[in-house]
């Protein structure tokens, strides 16, 4: 008579457990990547929101004044002025700070002629002392009207 051998089912169970653990590990890896991506998206959205607010402020100042560095400093204090430009430094919460502890930098370059006044606004993220990453650049222009042109209108 032939002896019937039954195989232990523990080998099949062990293989099934390995597949389940592999699937859970892959799923956890995907979830961690999604959370990291959502965090970076939130940081970029916050940066874009603050940049939009500051661009709007610069545009309103340019529209309402003659666009000189002195007018920008009078209406947006805490800037470091050069000949025709101003630098503003912000910390990670977009509060004004010193150049040494800054995370973000906004640079305004003002120019005006008889026909147009303009400001070029550049935002940079300061990585370390020697490295800057450009976030956004925008040039805002407004026509200059003389007193005669305004009277004719």
Protein backbone atom coordinates (compact mmCIF):
# COMPACT_ATOMS: atom_id res chain seq x y z
CA UNK A 1 0.00 0.00 0.00
CA UNK A 2 1.18 3.41 -0.90
CA UNK A 3 1.79 5.89 1.81
CA UNK A 4 -0.07 9.16 1.22
CA UNK A 5 1.93 12.15 2.26
CA UNK A 6 0.31 15.42 2.98
CA UNK A 7 2.33 18.54 2.54
CA UNK A 8 2.37 21.09 5.25
CA UNK A 9 0.48 24.25 4.40
CA UNK A 10 2.87 26.39 6.42
CA UNK A 11 5.07 27.01 3.32
CA UNK A 12 2.13 28.43 1.40
CA UNK A 13 1.13 30.57 4.37
CA UNK A 14 4.69 31.94 4.67
CA UNK A 15 4.77 32.84 0.97
CA UNK A 16 1.39 34.58 1.29
CA UNK A 17 2.64 36.59 4.29
CA UNK A 18 5.73 37.68 2.34
CA UNK A 19 3.53 38.97 -0.51
CA UNK A 20 1.28 40.81 1.94
CA UNK A 21 4.26 42.46 3.65
CA UNK A 22 5.75 43.40 0.28
CA UNK A 23 2.43 44.98 -0.80
CA UNK A 24 2.13 46.91 2.49
CA UNK A 25 5.72 48.14 2.17
CA UNK A 26 5.14 49.41 -1.36
CA UNK A 27 1.89 51.09 -0.30
CA UNK A 28 3.63 52.83 2.61
CA UNK A 29 6.38 54.04 0.28
CA UNK A 30 3.83 55.54 -2.09
CA UNK A 31 2.01 57.24 0.80
CA UNK A 32 5.23 58.80 2.11
CA UNK A 33 6.03 60.14 -1.37
CA UNK A 34 2.52 61.60 -1.67
CA UNK A 35 2.79 63.33 1.70
CA UNK A 36 6.19 64.78 0.77
CA UNK A 37 4.82 66.01 -2.57
CA UNK A 38 1.80 67.62 -0.89
CA UNK A 39 4.09 69.38 1.60
CA UNK A 40 6.21 70.80 -1.23
CA UNK A 41 3.08 71.88 -3.10
CA UNK A 42 1.90 73.70 0.03
CA UNK A 43 5.27 75.48 0.39
CA UNK A 44 5.20 76.57 -3.28
CA UNK A 45 1.59 77.75 -2.98
CA UNK A 46 2.47 79.82 0.10
CA UNK A 47 5.47 81.32 -1.74
CA UNK A 48 3.30 82.17 -4.75
CA UNK A 49 0.68 83.80 -2.53
CA UNK A 50 3.20 86.07 -0.81
CA UNK A 51 4.87 86.91 -4.12
CA UNK A 52 1.50 87.88 -5.57
CA UNK A 53 0.76 90.19 -2.61
CA UNK A 54 4.14 91.91 -2.88
CA UNK A 55 3.89 92.29 -6.68
CA UNK A 56 0.47 93.91 -6.24
CA UNK A 57 1.85 96.30 -3.64
CA UNK A 58 4.76 97.27 -5.89
CA UNK A 59 2.38 97.84 -8.81
CA UNK A 60 0.10 100.06 -6.74
CA UNK A 61 3.05 102.12 -5.50
CA UNK A 62 4.35 102.50 -9.05
CA UNK A 63 0.94 103.52 -10.34
CA UNK A 64 0.36 106.13 -7.63
CA UNK A 65 3.84 107.71 -7.55
CA UNK A 66 6.61 108.67 -9.93
CA UNK A 67 8.34 105.32 -9.30
CA UNK A 68 11.50 106.50 -7.59
CA UNK A 69 13.41 104.54 -4.99
CA UNK A 70 12.51 107.17 -2.37
CA UNK A 71 8.77 106.69 -2.96
CA UNK A 72 9.08 102.92 -2.63
CA UNK A 73 11.04 103.28 0.61
CA UNK A 74 8.48 105.76 1.98
CA UNK A 75 5.59 103.38 1.32
CA UNK A 76 7.40 100.05 1.81
CA UNK A 77 10.00 100.65 4.53
CA UNK A 78 12.65 98.14 5.70
CA UNK A 79 14.33 97.96 2.30
CA UNK A 80 18.03 98.28 1.64
CA UNK A 81 18.45 100.90 -1.09
CA UNK A 82 21.14 101.13 -3.72
CA UNK A 83 21.40 103.69 -6.54
CA UNK A 84 18.31 102.59 -8.51
CA UNK A 85 17.31 99.40 -6.69
CA UNK A 86 15.94 98.23 -3.36
CA UNK A 87 16.35 94.83 -1.70
CA UNK A 88 13.88 93.48 0.83
CA UNK A 89 14.73 90.42 2.91
CA UNK A 90 12.20 88.00 4.40
CA UNK A 91 12.42 85.03 6.77
CA UNK A 92 10.68 81.69 6.20
CA UNK A 93 7.38 83.17 7.45
CA UNK A 94 7.68 86.13 5.04
CA UNK A 95 8.38 88.64 7.80
CA UNK A 96 10.94 91.39 7.16
CA UNK A 97 14.36 90.45 8.48
CA UNK A 98 18.05 91.20 8.06
CA UNK A 99 20.12 90.01 5.12
CA UNK A 100 22.03 87.52 7.29
CA UNK A 101 18.93 85.61 8.44
CA UNK A 102 16.94 85.94 5.21
CA UNK A 103 15.36 83.04 3.35
CA UNK A 104 13.73 85.11 0.59
CA UNK A 105 14.91 88.23 -1.22
CA UNK A 106 12.84 90.70 -3.24
CA UNK A 107 14.77 93.09 -5.48
CA UNK A 108 13.13 96.11 -7.10
CA UNK A 109 14.94 97.88 -9.94
CA UNK A 110 13.30 101.23 -10.68
CA UNK A 111 13.58 103.19 -13.91
CA UNK A 112 11.62 106.07 -15.38
CA UNK A 113 11.60 108.09 -18.57
CA UNK A 114 9.40 110.82 -20.00
CA UNK A 115 6.93 108.28 -21.38
CA UNK A 116 7.00 105.29 -19.04
CA UNK A 117 7.84 104.41 -15.46
CA UNK A 118 8.71 100.82 -14.62
CA UNK A 119 9.99 98.54 -11.92
CA UNK A 120 11.46 95.08 -12.36
CA UNK A 121 10.63 92.84 -9.41
CA UNK A 122 12.72 89.71 -8.81
CA UNK A 123 12.15 87.14 -6.07
CA UNK A 124 14.89 84.74 -5.03
CA UNK A 125 15.13 81.99 -2.48
CA UNK A 126 18.45 82.12 -0.65
CA UNK A 127 19.80 78.58 -0.24
CA UNK A 128 23.08 79.46 1.46
CA UNK A 129 25.58 82.30 1.39
CA UNK A 130 26.60 81.75 -2.24
CA UNK A 131 23.51 80.25 -3.85
CA UNK A 132 20.25 81.89 -4.90
CA UNK A 133 17.32 80.30 -6.70
CA UNK A 134 15.15 82.57 -8.80
CA UNK A 135 11.47 82.15 -7.96
CA UNK A 136 9.77 84.84 -10.03
CA UNK A 137 10.55 87.91 -12.16
CA UNK A 138 8.03 90.50 -13.31
CA UNK A 139 8.35 93.91 -14.96
CA UNK A 140 5.58 96.39 -14.20
CA UNK A 141 5.13 99.42 -16.51
CA UNK A 142 2.85 102.43 -16.40
CA UNK A 143 2.69 105.30 -18.88
CA UNK A 144 3.65 108.77 -17.68
CA UNK A 145 1.11 111.47 -18.49
CA UNK A 146 2.15 115.10 -18.61
CA UNK A 147 -0.05 117.82 -17.16
CA UNK A 148 -1.12 118.85 -20.68
CA UNK A 149 -2.14 115.29 -21.62
CA UNK A 150 -4.20 114.96 -18.42
CA UNK A 151 -5.98 118.29 -19.13
CA UNK A 152 -6.82 117.15 -22.67
CA UNK A 153 -8.36 113.90 -21.45
